[in-house]
Amino acid sequence: MGKRNHYSVYVIEISKDVLKEAKFVKGNPGYIDGKPCVYVGMTGLDPDVRFDKHMAGIQHNGYVLRYGIQLLPDLYEAYNPMSYKAAVDREIELGISLREAGFGVWQA
């Protein structure tokens, strides 16, 4: 794994309390009641470190800071590590596939 291929995608489960946020609901018109709500991101850090930074309010997403629960490695580990370009593309694709499965998804 060279320096070029140290990027990762990650998925964080967020509390369904996020469904009280109008902007989140508007961004997920196909959400199926009961499905998980998640944040999908990409990073040059280890996903565990990136999650900790979100939760500490460092370069965070507001939904993760307020509603973050845990990483969901079963949804992303098979893809990592990868190049920057591949991570950018995979983040988009992963978000789309989870939305198509009825998840509530937020991406930054």
PDB file of N, CA and C in Angstrom:
ATOM      1  N   MET A   1       0.855  -1.178   0.000  1.00  0.00           N
ATOM      2  CA  MET A   1       0.000   0.000   0.000  1.00  0.00           C
ATOM      3  C   MET A   1       0.893   1.231   0.000  1.00  0.00           C
ATOM      4  N   GLY A   2       1.048   1.875  -1.099  1.00  0.00           N
ATOM      5  CA  GLY A   2       1.844   3.078  -1.179  1.00  0.00           C
ATOM      6  C   GLY A   2       1.078   4.279  -0.671  1.00  0.00           C
ATOM      7  N   LYS A   3       1.772   5.411  -0.619  1.00  0.00           N
ATOM      8  CA  LYS A   3       1.142   6.646  -0.163  1.00  0.00           C
ATOM      9  C   LYS A   3      -0.093   6.983  -0.998  1.00  0.00           C
ATOM     10  N   ARG A   4      -0.056   6.639  -2.264  1.00  0.00           N
ATOM     11  CA  ARG A   4      -1.195   6.922  -3.148  1.00  0.00           C
ATOM     12  C   ARG A   4      -2.455   6.189  -2.724  1.00  0.00           C
ATOM     13  N   ASN A   5      -2.306   5.009  -2.160  1.00  0.00           N
ATOM     14  CA  ASN A   5      -3.477   4.180  -1.855  1.00  0.00           C
ATOM     15  C   ASN A   5      -3.747   4.085  -0.359  1.00  0.00           C
ATOM     16  N   HIS A   6      -3.812   5.229   0.297  1.00  0.00           N
ATOM     17  CA  HIS A   6      -4.089   5.214   1.729  1.00  0.00           C
ATOM     18  C   HIS A   6      -5.458   5.805   2.079  1.00  0.00           C
ATOM     19  N   TYR A   7      -6.308   5.976   1.093  1.00  0.00           N
ATOM     20  CA  TYR A   7      -7.626   6.566   1.327  1.00  0.00           C
ATOM     21  C   TYR A   7      -8.664   5.476   1.601  1.00  0.00           C
ATOM     22  N   SER A   8      -9.680   5.869   2.339  1.00  0.00           N
ATOM     23  CA  SER A   8     -10.745   4.934   2.719  1.00  0.00           C
ATOM     24  C   SER A   8     -12.100   5.614   2.634  1.00  0.00           C
ATOM     25  N   VAL A   9     -13.108   4.813   2.375  1.00  0.00           N
ATOM     26  CA  VAL A   9     -14.482   5.249   2.583  1.00  0.00           C
ATOM     27  C   VAL A   9     -14.914   4.697   3.931  1.00  0.00           C
ATOM     28  N   TYR A  10     -15.936   5.323   4.511  1.00  0.00           N
ATOM     29  CA  TYR A  10     -16.446   4.846   5.780  1.00  0.00           C
ATOM     30  C   TYR A  10     -17.925   5.183   5.895  1.00  0.00           C
ATOM     31  N   VAL A  11     -18.622   4.438   6.749  1.00  0.00           N
ATOM     32  CA  VAL A  11     -20.045   4.650   6.976  1.00  0.00           C
ATOM     33  C   VAL A  11     -20.269   4.705   8.485  1.00  0.00           C
ATOM     34  N   ILE A  12     -20.929   5.772   8.920  1.00  0.00           N
ATOM     35  CA  ILE A  12     -21.247   5.946  10.334  1.00  0.00           C
ATOM     36  C   ILE A  12     -22.755   5.843  10.510  1.00  0.00           C
ATOM     37  N   GLU A  13     -23.167   4.985  11.417  1.00  0.00           N
ATOM     38  CA  GLU A  13     -24.589   4.927  11.772  1.00  0.00           C
ATOM     39  C   GLU A  13     -24.912   6.162  12.593  1.00  0.00           C
ATOM     40  N   ILE A  14     -26.013   6.812  12.243  1.00  0.00           N
ATOM     41  CA  ILE A  14     -26.485   7.956  13.025  1.00  0.00           C
ATOM     42  C   ILE A  14     -27.886   7.652  13.534  1.00  0.00           C
ATOM     43  N   SER A  15     -28.191   8.205  14.679  1.00  0.00           N
ATOM     44  CA  SER A  15     -29.478   7.966  15.331  1.00  0.00           C
ATOM     45  C   SER A  15     -30.638   8.387  14.433  1.00  0.00           C
ATOM     46  N   LYS A  16     -31.710   7.669  14.536  1.00  0.00           N
ATOM     47  CA  LYS A  16     -32.905   8.020  13.759  1.00  0.00           C
ATOM     48  C   LYS A  16     -33.520   9.336  14.235  1.00  0.00           C
ATOM     49  N   ASP A  17     -33.003   9.879  15.339  1.00  0.00           N
ATOM     50  CA  ASP A  17     -33.433  11.217  15.766  1.00  0.00           C
ATOM     51  C   ASP A  17     -33.117  12.253  14.686  1.00  0.00           C
ATOM     52  N   VAL A  18     -32.178  11.934  13.789  1.00  0.00           N
ATOM     53  CA  VAL A  18     -31.844  12.832  12.687  1.00  0.00           C
ATOM     54  C   VAL A  18     -33.056  13.054  11.774  1.00  0.00           C
ATOM     55  N   LEU A  19     -34.018  12.141  11.850  1.00  0.00           N
ATOM     56  CA  LEU A  19     -35.222  12.282  11.025  1.00  0.00           C
ATOM     57  C   LEU A  19     -36.109  13.442  11.484  1.00  0.00           C
ATOM     58  N   LYS A  20     -35.737  14.094  12.575  1.00  0.00           N
ATOM     59  CA  LYS A  20     -36.420  15.313  13.020  1.00  0.00           C
ATOM     60  C   LYS A  20     -35.854  16.542  12.310  1.00  0.00           C
ATOM     61  N   GLU A  21     -34.763  16.351  11.588  1.00  0.00           N
ATOM     62  CA  GLU A  21     -34.091  17.441  10.871  1.00  0.00           C
ATOM     63  C   GLU A  21     -34.677  17.537   9.460  1.00  0.00           C
ATOM     64  N   ALA A  22     -35.351  18.642   9.172  1.00  0.00           N
ATOM     65  CA  ALA A  22     -36.038  18.811   7.890  1.00  0.00           C
ATOM     66  C   ALA A  22     -35.093  18.659   6.699  1.00  0.00           C
ATOM     67  N   LYS A  23     -33.879  19.183   6.818  1.00  0.00           N
ATOM     68  CA  LYS A  23     -32.925  19.109   5.708  1.00  0.00           C
ATOM     69  C   LYS A  23     -32.537  17.655   5.415  1.00  0.00           C
ATOM     70  N   PHE A  24     -32.355  16.855   6.463  1.00  0.00           N
ATOM     71  CA  PHE A  24     -32.022  15.438   6.273  1.00  0.00           C
ATOM     72  C   PHE A  24     -33.184  14.710   5.611  1.00  0.00           C
ATOM     73  N   VAL A  25     -34.384  14.940   6.084  1.00  0.00           N
ATOM     74  CA  VAL A  25     -35.573  14.276   5.525  1.00  0.00           C
ATOM     75  C   VAL A  25     -35.760  14.681   4.063  1.00  0.00           C
ATOM     76  N   LYS A  26     -35.597  15.963   3.769  1.00  0.00           N
ATOM     77  CA  LYS A  26     -35.753  16.443   2.388  1.00  0.00           C
ATOM     78  C   LYS A  26     -34.734  15.787   1.459  1.00  0.00           C
ATOM     79  N   GLY A  27     -33.533  15.511   1.967  1.00  0.00           N
ATOM     80  CA  GLY A  27     -32.496  14.892   1.161  1.00  0.00           C
ATOM     81  C   GLY A  27     -32.656  13.390   0.990  1.00  0.00           C
ATOM     82  N   ASN A  28     -33.667  12.822   1.650  1.00  0.00           N
ATOM     83  CA  ASN A  28     -33.878  11.377   1.599  1.00  0.00           C
ATOM     84  C   ASN A  28     -35.349  11.029   1.337  1.00  0.00           C
ATOM     85  N   PRO A  29     -35.867  11.457   0.182  1.00  0.00           N
ATOM     86  CA  PRO A  29     -37.290  11.212  -0.091  1.00  0.00           C
ATOM     87  C   PRO A  29     -37.642   9.731  -0.223  1.00  0.00           C
ATOM     88  N   GLY A  30     -36.668   8.873  -0.496  1.00  0.00           N
ATOM     89  CA  GLY A  30     -36.932   7.445  -0.650  1.00  0.00           C
ATOM     90  C   GLY A  30     -36.660   6.647   0.612  1.00  0.00           C
ATOM     91  N   TYR A  31     -36.469   7.330   1.736  1.00  0.00           N
ATOM     92  CA  TYR A  31     -36.168   6.627   2.987  1.00  0.00           C
ATOM     93  C   TYR A  31     -37.293   5.671   3.339  1.00  0.00           C
ATOM     94  N   ILE A  32     -36.927   4.452   3.705  1.00  0.00           N
ATOM     95  CA  ILE A  32     -37.891   3.429   4.111  1.00  0.00           C
ATOM     96  C   ILE A  32     -37.854   3.341   5.633  1.00  0.00           C
ATOM     97  N   ASP A  33     -38.998   3.570   6.253  1.00  0.00           N
ATOM     98  CA  ASP A  33     -39.099   3.546   7.710  1.00  0.00           C
ATOM     99  C   ASP A  33     -38.493   2.264   8.278  1.00  0.00           C
ATOM    100  N   GLY A  34     -37.644   2.416   9.273  1.00  0.00           N
ATOM    101  CA  GLY A  34     -36.997   1.267   9.902  1.00  0.00           C
ATOM    102  C   GLY A  34     -35.589   1.000   9.407  1.00  0.00           C
ATOM    103  N   LYS A  35     -35.244   1.510   8.236  1.00  0.00           N
ATOM    104  CA  LYS A  35     -33.882   1.330   7.702  1.00  0.00           C
ATOM    105  C   LYS A  35     -32.925   2.251   8.473  1.00  0.00           C
ATOM    106  N   PRO A  36     -31.643   1.926   8.482  1.00  0.00           N
ATOM    107  CA  PRO A  36     -30.673   2.769   9.183  1.00  0.00           C
ATOM    108  C   PRO A  36     -30.505   4.145   8.535  1.00  0.00           C
ATOM    109  N   CYS A  37     -30.063   5.081   9.342  1.00  0.00           N
ATOM    110  CA  CYS A  37     -29.632   6.390   8.868  1.00  0.00           C
ATOM    111  C   CYS A  37     -28.113   6.404   9.021  1.00  0.00           C
ATOM    112  N   VAL A  38     -27.417   6.907   7.999  1.00  0.00           N
ATOM    113  CA  VAL A  38     -25.967   6.840   7.979  1.00  0.00           C
ATOM    114  C   VAL A  38     -25.356   8.102   7.388  1.00  0.00           C
ATOM    115  N   TYR A  39     -24.096   8.293   7.720  1.00  0.00           N
ATOM    116  CA  TYR A  39     -23.253   9.293   7.088  1.00  0.00           C
ATOM    117  C   TYR A  39     -22.186   8.531   6.315  1.00  0.00           C
ATOM    118  N   VAL A  40     -21.965   8.895   5.055  1.00  0.00           N
ATOM    119  CA  VAL A  40     -20.950   8.249   4.224  1.00  0.00           C
ATOM    120  C   VAL A  40     -19.869   9.285   3.925  1.00  0.00           C
ATOM    121  N   GLY A  41     -18.628   8.901   4.175  1.00  0.00           N
ATOM    122  CA  GLY A  41     -17.523   9.815   3.932  1.00  0.00           C
ATOM    123  C   GLY A  41     -16.307   9.101   3.369  1.00  0.00           C
ATOM    124  N   MET A  42     -15.270   9.903   3.095  1.00  0.00           N
ATOM    125  CA  MET A  42     -13.984   9.348   2.663  1.00  0.00           C
ATOM    126  C   MET A  42     -12.895  10.122   3.376  1.00  0.00           C
ATOM    127  N   THR A  43     -11.769   9.450   3.591  1.00  0.00           N
ATOM    128  CA  THR A  43     -10.706  10.045   4.380  1.00  0.00           C
ATOM    129  C   THR A  43      -9.343   9.463   4.013  1.00  0.00           C
ATOM    130  N   GLY A  44      -8.314  10.217   4.312  1.00  0.00           N
ATOM    131  CA  GLY A  44      -6.952   9.732   4.204  1.00  0.00           C
ATOM    132  C   GLY A  44      -6.470   9.152   5.532  1.00  0.00           C
ATOM    133  N   LEU A  45      -7.316   9.208   6.545  1.00  0.00           N
ATOM    134  CA  LEU A  45      -7.011   8.664   7.866  1.00  0.00           C
ATOM    135  C   LEU A  45      -7.621   7.283   8.017  1.00  0.00           C
ATOM    136  N   ASP A  46      -7.258   6.599   9.065  1.00  0.00           N
ATOM    137  CA  ASP A  46      -7.951   5.365   9.422  1.00  0.00           C
ATOM    138  C   ASP A  46      -9.400   5.740   9.774  1.00  0.00           C
ATOM    139  N   PRO A  47     -10.398   4.991   9.298  1.00  0.00           N
ATOM    140  CA  PRO A  47     -11.792   5.339   9.594  1.00  0.00           C
ATOM    141  C   PRO A  47     -12.087   5.493  11.095  1.00  0.00           C
ATOM    142  N   ASP A  48     -11.430   4.713  11.949  1.00  0.00           N
ATOM    143  CA  ASP A  48     -11.646   4.854  13.392  1.00  0.00           C
ATOM    144  C   ASP A  48     -11.179   6.225  13.890  1.00  0.00           C
ATOM    145  N   VAL A  49     -10.049   6.665  13.391  1.00  0.00           N
ATOM    146  CA  VAL A  49      -9.527   7.981  13.772  1.00  0.00           C
ATOM    147  C   VAL A  49     -10.455   9.071  13.256  1.00  0.00           C
ATOM    148  N   ARG A  50     -10.919   8.909  12.020  1.00  0.00           N
ATOM    149  CA  ARG A  50     -11.824   9.915  11.438  1.00  0.00           C
ATOM    150  C   ARG A  50     -13.124   9.993  12.220  1.00  0.00           C
ATOM    151  N   PHE A  51     -13.677   8.846  12.626  1.00  0.00           N
ATOM    152  CA  PHE A  51     -14.897   8.823  13.438  1.00  0.00           C
ATOM    153  C   PHE A  51     -14.660   9.575  14.750  1.00  0.00           C
ATOM    154  N   ASP A  52     -13.535   9.293  15.402  1.00  0.00           N
ATOM    155  CA  ASP A  52     -13.222   9.971  16.668  1.00  0.00           C
ATOM    156  C   ASP A  52     -13.140  11.485  16.476  1.00  0.00           C
ATOM    157  N   LYS A  53     -12.575  11.923  15.361  1.00  0.00           N
ATOM    158  CA  LYS A  53     -12.491  13.357  15.087  1.00  0.00           C
ATOM    159  C   LYS A  53     -13.885  13.962  14.905  1.00  0.00           C
ATOM    160  N   HIS A  54     -14.756  13.270  14.170  1.00  0.00           N
ATOM    161  CA  HIS A  54     -16.143  13.738  14.032  1.00  0.00           C
ATOM    162  C   HIS A  54     -16.761  13.932  15.414  1.00  0.00           C
ATOM    163  N   MET A  55     -16.632  12.912  16.251  1.00  0.00           N
ATOM    164  CA  MET A  55     -17.287  12.915  17.555  1.00  0.00           C
ATOM    165  C   MET A  55     -16.680  13.944  18.511  1.00  0.00           C
ATOM    166  N   ALA A  56     -15.422  14.328  18.262  1.00  0.00           N
ATOM    167  CA  ALA A  56     -14.766  15.343  19.083  1.00  0.00           C
ATOM    168  C   ALA A  56     -15.013  16.753  18.547  1.00  0.00           C
ATOM    169  N   GLY A  57     -15.722  16.855  17.426  1.00  0.00           N
ATOM    170  CA  GLY A  57     -16.006  18.161  16.845  1.00  0.00           C
ATOM    171  C   GLY A  57     -14.869  18.721  16.019  1.00  0.00           C
ATOM    172  N   ILE A  58     -13.922  17.860  15.616  1.00  0.00           N
ATOM    173  CA  ILE A  58     -12.778  18.278  14.802  1.00  0.00           C
ATOM    174  C   ILE A  58     -13.067  17.924  13.349  1.00  0.00           C
ATOM    175  N   GLN A  59     -13.140  18.944  12.491  1.00  0.00           N
ATOM    176  CA  GLN A  59     -13.480  18.728  11.078  1.00  0.00           C
ATOM    177  C   GLN A  59     -14.665  17.774  10.977  1.00  0.00           C
ATOM    178  N   HIS A  60     -15.719  18.122  11.661  1.00  0.00           N
ATOM    179  CA  HIS A  60     -16.868  17.231  11.827  1.00  0.00           C
ATOM    180  C   HIS A  60     -18.025  17.574  10.898  1.00  0.00           C
ATOM    181  N   ASN A  61     -18.909  16.623  10.777  1.00  0.00           N
ATOM    182  CA  ASN A  61     -20.213  16.857  10.169  1.00  0.00           C
ATOM    183  C   ASN A  61     -21.193  17.026  11.336  1.00  0.00           C
ATOM    184  N   GLY A  62     -22.047  18.022  11.253  1.00  0.00           N
ATOM    185  CA  GLY A  62     -22.976  18.307  12.348  1.00  0.00           C
ATOM    186  C   GLY A  62     -23.887  17.146  12.694  1.00  0.00           C
ATOM    187  N   TYR A  63     -24.363  16.433  11.695  1.00  0.00           N
ATOM    188  CA  TYR A  63     -25.242  15.288  11.979  1.00  0.00           C
ATOM    189  C   TYR A  63     -24.478  14.195  12.723  1.00  0.00           C
ATOM    190  N   VAL A  64     -23.222  13.968  12.351  1.00  0.00           N
ATOM    191  CA  VAL A  64     -22.432  12.953  13.039  1.00  0.00           C
ATOM    192  C   VAL A  64     -22.147  13.402  14.468  1.00  0.00           C
ATOM    193  N   LEU A  65     -21.782  14.662  14.641  1.00  0.00           N
ATOM    194  CA  LEU A  65     -21.489  15.165  15.982  1.00  0.00           C
ATOM    195  C   LEU A  65     -22.700  15.017  16.900  1.00  0.00           C
ATOM    196  N   ARG A  66     -23.887  15.349  16.392  1.00  0.00           N
ATOM    197  CA  ARG A  66     -25.108  15.293  17.217  1.00  0.00           C
ATOM    198  C   ARG A  66     -25.700  13.895  17.330  1.00  0.00           C
ATOM    199  N   TYR A  67     -25.594  13.101  16.267  1.00  0.00           N
ATOM    200  CA  TYR A  67     -26.341  11.843  16.229  1.00  0.00           C
ATOM    201  C   TYR A  67     -25.485  10.597  15.996  1.00  0.00           C
ATOM    202  N   GLY A  68     -24.165  10.754  15.879  1.00  0.00           N
ATOM    203  CA  GLY A  68     -23.299   9.621  15.570  1.00  0.00           C
ATOM    204  C   GLY A  68     -23.370   8.520  16.620  1.00  0.00           C
ATOM    205  N   ILE A  69     -23.401   7.278  16.137  1.00  0.00           N
ATOM    206  CA  ILE A  69     -23.459   6.120  17.032  1.00  0.00           C
ATOM    207  C   ILE A  69     -22.203   5.279  16.901  1.00  0.00           C
ATOM    208  N   GLN A  70     -21.952   4.780  15.691  1.00  0.00           N
ATOM    209  CA  GLN A  70     -20.826   3.862  15.499  1.00  0.00           C
ATOM    210  C   GLN A  70     -20.505   3.720  14.023  1.00  0.00           C
ATOM    211  N   LEU A  71     -19.297   3.249  13.755  1.00  0.00           N
ATOM    212  CA  LEU A  71     -18.928   2.882  12.392  1.00  0.00           C
ATOM    213  C   LEU A  71     -19.635   1.588  12.015  1.00  0.00           C
ATOM    214  N   LEU A  72     -19.915   1.427  10.722  1.00  0.00           N
ATOM    215  CA  LEU A  72     -20.531   0.203  10.190  1.00  0.00           C
ATOM    216  C   LEU A  72     -19.560  -0.428   9.191  1.00  0.00           C
ATOM    217  N   PRO A  73     -18.477  -1.040   9.704  1.00  0.00           N
ATOM    218  CA  PRO A  73     -17.418  -1.540   8.813  1.00  0.00           C
ATOM    219  C   PRO A  73     -17.875  -2.591   7.813  1.00  0.00           C
ATOM    220  N   ASP A  74     -18.916  -3.330   8.099  1.00  0.00           N
ATOM    221  CA  ASP A  74     -19.405  -4.328   7.132  1.00  0.00           C
ATOM    222  C   ASP A  74     -19.829  -3.678   5.819  1.00  0.00           C
ATOM    223  N   LEU A  75     -20.140  -2.376   5.850  1.00  0.00           N
ATOM    224  CA  LEU A  75     -20.593  -1.682   4.651  1.00  0.00           C
ATOM    225  C   LEU A  75     -19.452  -1.066   3.835  1.00  0.00           C
ATOM    226  N   TYR A  76     -18.227  -1.058   4.373  1.00  0.00           N
ATOM    227  CA  TYR A  76     -17.152  -0.371   3.649  1.00  0.00           C
ATOM    228  C   TYR A  76     -15.782  -1.056   3.669  1.00  0.00           C
ATOM    229  N   GLU A  77     -15.507  -1.917   4.620  1.00  0.00           N
ATOM    230  CA  GLU A  77     -14.152  -2.459   4.762  1.00  0.00           C
ATOM    231  C   GLU A  77     -13.597  -3.128   3.506  1.00  0.00           C
ATOM    232  N   ALA A  78     -14.442  -3.783   2.753  1.00  0.00           N
ATOM    233  CA  ALA A  78     -13.974  -4.517   1.570  1.00  0.00           C
ATOM    234  C   ALA A  78     -13.378  -3.594   0.505  1.00  0.00           C
ATOM    235  N   TYR A  79     -13.705  -2.307   0.553  1.00  0.00           N
ATOM    236  CA  TYR A  79     -13.236  -1.362  -0.463  1.00  0.00           C
ATOM    237  C   TYR A  79     -11.875  -0.749  -0.140  1.00  0.00           C
ATOM    238  N   ASN A  80     -11.481  -0.745   1.116  1.00  0.00           N
ATOM    239  CA  ASN A  80     -10.310   0.004   1.579  1.00  0.00           C
ATOM    240  C   ASN A  80      -9.048  -0.846   1.588  1.00  0.00           C
ATOM    241  N   PRO A  81      -7.872  -0.252   1.407  1.00  0.00           N
ATOM    242  CA  PRO A  81      -7.568   1.126   1.026  1.00  0.00           C
ATOM    243  C   PRO A  81      -7.629   1.305  -0.487  1.00  0.00           C
ATOM    244  N   MET A  82      -7.548   2.563  -0.902  1.00  0.00           N
ATOM    245  CA  MET A  82      -7.622   2.869  -2.333  1.00  0.00           C
ATOM    246  C   MET A  82      -7.001   4.230  -2.599  1.00  0.00           C
ATOM    247  N   SER A  83      -6.912   4.580  -3.871  1.00  0.00           N
ATOM    248  CA  SER A  83      -6.390   5.889  -4.251  1.00  0.00           C
ATOM    249  C   SER A  83      -7.421   6.967  -3.921  1.00  0.00           C
ATOM    250  N   TYR A  84      -6.980   8.207  -3.931  1.00  0.00           N
ATOM    251  CA  TYR A  84      -7.877   9.336  -3.672  1.00  0.00           C
ATOM    252  C   TYR A  84      -9.052   9.344  -4.644  1.00  0.00           C
ATOM    253  N   LYS A  85      -8.744   9.227  -5.927  1.00  0.00           N
ATOM    254  CA  LYS A  85      -9.795   9.248  -6.964  1.00  0.00           C
ATOM    255  C   LYS A  85     -10.785   8.109  -6.756  1.00  0.00           C
ATOM    256  N   ALA A  86     -10.281   6.918  -6.466  1.00  0.00           N
ATOM    257  CA  ALA A  86     -11.169   5.771  -6.239  1.00  0.00           C
ATOM    258  C   ALA A  86     -12.040   6.000  -5.008  1.00  0.00           C
ATOM    259  N   ALA A  87     -11.485   6.616  -3.956  1.00  0.00           N
ATOM    260  CA  ALA A  87     -12.259   6.875  -2.738  1.00  0.00           C
ATOM    261  C   ALA A  87     -13.363   7.893  -2.994  1.00  0.00           C
ATOM    262  N   VAL A  88     -13.052   8.938  -3.759  1.00  0.00           N
ATOM    263  CA  VAL A  88     -14.071   9.939  -4.102  1.00  0.00           C
ATOM    264  C   VAL A  88     -15.217   9.264  -4.857  1.00  0.00           C
ATOM    265  N   ASP A  89     -14.875   8.459  -5.853  1.00  0.00           N
ATOM    266  CA  ASP A  89     -15.895   7.772  -6.646  1.00  0.00           C
ATOM    267  C   ASP A  89     -16.685   6.770  -5.809  1.00  0.00           C
ATOM    268  N   ARG A  90     -15.980   5.998  -4.965  1.00  0.00           N
ATOM    269  CA  ARG A  90     -16.639   4.962  -4.159  1.00  0.00           C
ATOM    270  C   ARG A  90     -17.572   5.595  -3.131  1.00  0.00           C
ATOM    271  N   GLU A  91     -17.185   6.739  -2.568  1.00  0.00           N
ATOM    272  CA  GLU A  91     -18.067   7.417  -1.616  1.00  0.00           C
ATOM    273  C   GLU A  91     -19.403   7.753  -2.267  1.00  0.00           C
ATOM    274  N   ILE A  92     -19.349   8.285  -3.469  1.00  0.00           N
ATOM    275  CA  ILE A  92     -20.575   8.635  -4.196  1.00  0.00           C
ATOM    276  C   ILE A  92     -21.390   7.386  -4.495  1.00  0.00           C
ATOM    277  N   GLU A  93     -20.728   6.371  -5.025  1.00  0.00           N
ATOM    278  CA  GLU A  93     -21.423   5.122  -5.379  1.00  0.00           C
ATOM    279  C   GLU A  93     -22.048   4.455  -4.154  1.00  0.00           C
ATOM    280  N   LEU A  94     -21.317   4.446  -3.048  1.00  0.00           N
ATOM    281  CA  LEU A  94     -21.820   3.825  -1.830  1.00  0.00           C
ATOM    282  C   LEU A  94     -23.045   4.574  -1.310  1.00  0.00           C
ATOM    283  N   GLY A  95     -22.988   5.882  -1.316  1.00  0.00           N
ATOM    284  CA  GLY A  95     -24.150   6.671  -0.903  1.00  0.00           C
ATOM    285  C   GLY A  95     -25.368   6.401  -1.765  1.00  0.00           C
ATOM    286  N   ILE A  96     -25.155   6.331  -3.074  1.00  0.00           N
ATOM    287  CA  ILE A  96     -26.257   6.051  -3.998  1.00  0.00           C
ATOM    288  C   ILE A  96     -26.844   4.674  -3.734  1.00  0.00           C
ATOM    289  N   SER A  97     -25.988   3.667  -3.569  1.00  0.00           N
ATOM    290  CA  SER A  97     -26.505   2.303  -3.370  1.00  0.00           C
ATOM    291  C   SER A  97     -27.250   2.177  -2.042  1.00  0.00           C
ATOM    292  N   LEU A  98     -26.773   2.853  -1.002  1.00  0.00           N
ATOM    293  CA  LEU A  98     -27.483   2.794   0.282  1.00  0.00           C
ATOM    294  C   LEU A  98     -28.825   3.525   0.204  1.00  0.00           C
ATOM    295  N   ARG A  99     -28.864   4.663  -0.503  1.00  0.00           N
ATOM    296  CA  ARG A  99     -30.151   5.361  -0.700  1.00  0.00           C
ATOM    297  C   ARG A  99     -31.128   4.475  -1.480  1.00  0.00           C
ATOM    298  N   GLU A 100     -30.618   3.812  -2.510  1.00  0.00           N
ATOM    299  CA  GLU A 100     -31.478   2.924  -3.298  1.00  0.00           C
ATOM    300  C   GLU A 100     -32.019   1.781  -2.457  1.00  0.00           C
ATOM    301  N   ALA A 101     -31.288   1.396  -1.402  1.00  0.00           N
ATOM    302  CA  ALA A 101     -31.732   0.335  -0.496  1.00  0.00           C
ATOM    303  C   ALA A 101     -32.674   0.881   0.588  1.00  0.00           C
ATOM    304  N   GLY A 102     -32.967   2.180   0.545  1.00  0.00           N
ATOM    305  CA  GLY A 102     -33.921   2.761   1.481  1.00  0.00           C
ATOM    306  C   GLY A 102     -33.304   3.389   2.720  1.00  0.00           C
ATOM    307  N   PHE A 103     -31.973   3.401   2.808  1.00  0.00           N
ATOM    308  CA  PHE A 103     -31.311   4.031   3.949  1.00  0.00           C
ATOM    309  C   PHE A 103     -31.514   5.555   3.902  1.00  0.00           C
ATOM    310  N   GLY A 104     -31.443   6.185   5.046  1.00  0.00           N
ATOM    311  CA  GLY A 104     -31.313   7.636   5.115  1.00  0.00           C
ATOM    312  C   GLY A 104     -29.827   7.931   5.046  1.00  0.00           C
ATOM    313  N   VAL A 105     -29.383   8.716   4.062  1.00  0.00           N
ATOM    314  CA  VAL A 105     -27.950   8.919   3.829  1.00  0.00           C
ATOM    315  C   VAL A 105     -27.618  10.395   3.792  1.00  0.00           C
ATOM    316  N   TRP A 106     -26.508  10.745   4.444  1.00  0.00           N
ATOM    317  CA  TRP A 106     -25.956  12.093   4.328  1.00  0.00           C
ATOM    318  C   TRP A 106     -24.503  11.984   3.899  1.00  0.00           C
ATOM    319  N   GLN A 107     -24.117  12.833   2.960  1.00  0.00           N
ATOM    320  CA  GLN A 107     -22.736  12.914   2.484  1.00  0.00           C
ATOM    321  C   GLN A 107     -22.350  14.387   2.432  1.00  0.00           C
ATOM    322  N   ALA A 108     -21.070  14.657   2.705  1.00  0.00           N
ATOM    323  CA  ALA A 108     -20.630  16.061   2.670  1.00  0.00           C
ATOM    324  C   ALA A 108     -19.745  16.312   1.467  1.00  0.00           C
TER     325      ALA A 108
END
